[in-house]
Amino acid sequence: MLENQKKPPLGLIPKTFHEEQVNRVRFNEVCGAINRYYSAGKEINLEWVEEYNELVRFFTSKQITIVDA
């Protein structure tokens, strides 16, 4: 009887996990851009700093570690 039962189709990851993954990628991109401009002695776009702070607040509010120790 169990052999006749089919597994359900693959669903998708929960929205909260997806949001976290997307924000981690974006956080790394923002940090990389800021680091490159800092290393080149260039002014850092204030929008990048604001987005960085928004992402930090997102991770902090969810109690998610964003920096590896």
Protein backbone atom coordinates (compact mmCIF):
# COMPACT_ATOMS: atom_id res chain seq x y z
CA MET A 1 0.00 0.00 0.00
CA LEU A 2 2.82 2.44 0.85
CA GLU A 3 4.50 1.73 -2.51
CA ASN A 4 1.51 3.26 -4.34
CA GLN A 5 1.68 6.57 -2.48
CA LYS A 6 3.44 9.34 -4.36
CA LYS A 7 5.47 12.07 -2.77
CA PRO A 8 4.02 15.56 -3.15
CA PRO A 9 5.74 17.82 -5.67
CA LEU A 10 8.60 19.99 -4.49
CA GLY A 11 7.34 23.24 -2.97
CA LEU A 12 9.39 26.29 -2.18
CA ILE A 13 11.36 27.58 0.74
CA PRO A 14 9.45 29.74 3.23
CA LYS A 15 9.33 33.43 2.35
CA THR A 16 11.26 34.44 5.47
CA PHE A 17 14.21 32.20 4.49
CA HIS A 18 14.12 33.48 0.93
CA GLU A 19 14.12 37.09 2.14
CA GLU A 20 17.09 36.34 4.39
CA GLN A 21 19.05 34.74 1.54
CA VAL A 22 18.36 37.63 -0.83
CA ASN A 23 19.32 40.17 1.83
CA ARG A 24 22.55 38.30 2.62
CA VAL A 25 23.56 38.44 -1.04
CA ARG A 26 22.70 42.13 -1.25
CA PHE A 27 24.52 42.83 2.03
CA ASN A 28 27.68 41.23 0.65
CA GLU A 29 27.34 43.24 -2.58
CA VAL A 30 26.90 46.52 -0.68
CA CYS A 31 29.83 45.75 1.63
CA GLY A 32 32.00 44.85 -1.35
CA ALA A 33 31.19 48.09 -3.16
CA ILE A 34 31.84 50.18 -0.05
CA ASN A 35 35.13 48.36 0.55
CA ARG A 36 36.28 48.84 -3.05
CA TYR A 37 35.53 52.57 -2.99
CA TYR A 38 37.14 52.95 0.45
CA SER A 39 40.27 51.11 -0.74
CA ALA A 40 40.45 53.33 -3.83
CA GLY A 41 40.15 56.48 -1.72
CA LYS A 42 36.86 57.41 -3.40
CA GLU A 43 33.80 58.97 -1.81
CA ILE A 44 31.24 56.36 -0.81
CA ASN A 45 27.75 56.85 -2.17
CA LEU A 46 25.45 57.79 0.71
CA GLU A 47 22.70 55.57 -0.73
CA TRP A 48 25.01 52.60 -0.21
CA VAL A 49 25.61 53.56 3.41
CA GLU A 50 21.86 53.98 3.96
CA GLU A 51 21.16 50.59 2.36
CA TYR A 52 23.92 49.03 4.48
CA ASN A 53 22.26 50.44 7.61
CA GLU A 54 18.83 49.21 6.49
CA LEU A 55 20.20 45.71 5.98
CA VAL A 56 21.94 45.77 9.37
CA ARG A 57 18.63 46.77 10.97
CA PHE A 58 16.85 43.94 9.10
CA PHE A 59 19.30 41.31 10.37
CA THR A 60 19.39 42.78 13.87
CA SER A 61 15.59 42.78 14.12
CA LYS A 62 15.54 39.10 13.16
CA GLN A 63 18.48 38.35 15.48
CA ILE A 64 20.48 37.02 12.53
CA THR A 65 24.28 37.08 12.64
CA ILE A 66 25.63 38.84 9.56
CA VAL A 67 29.36 38.90 10.31
CA ASP A 68 31.29 35.68 10.72
CA ALA A 69 33.51 35.68 13.79
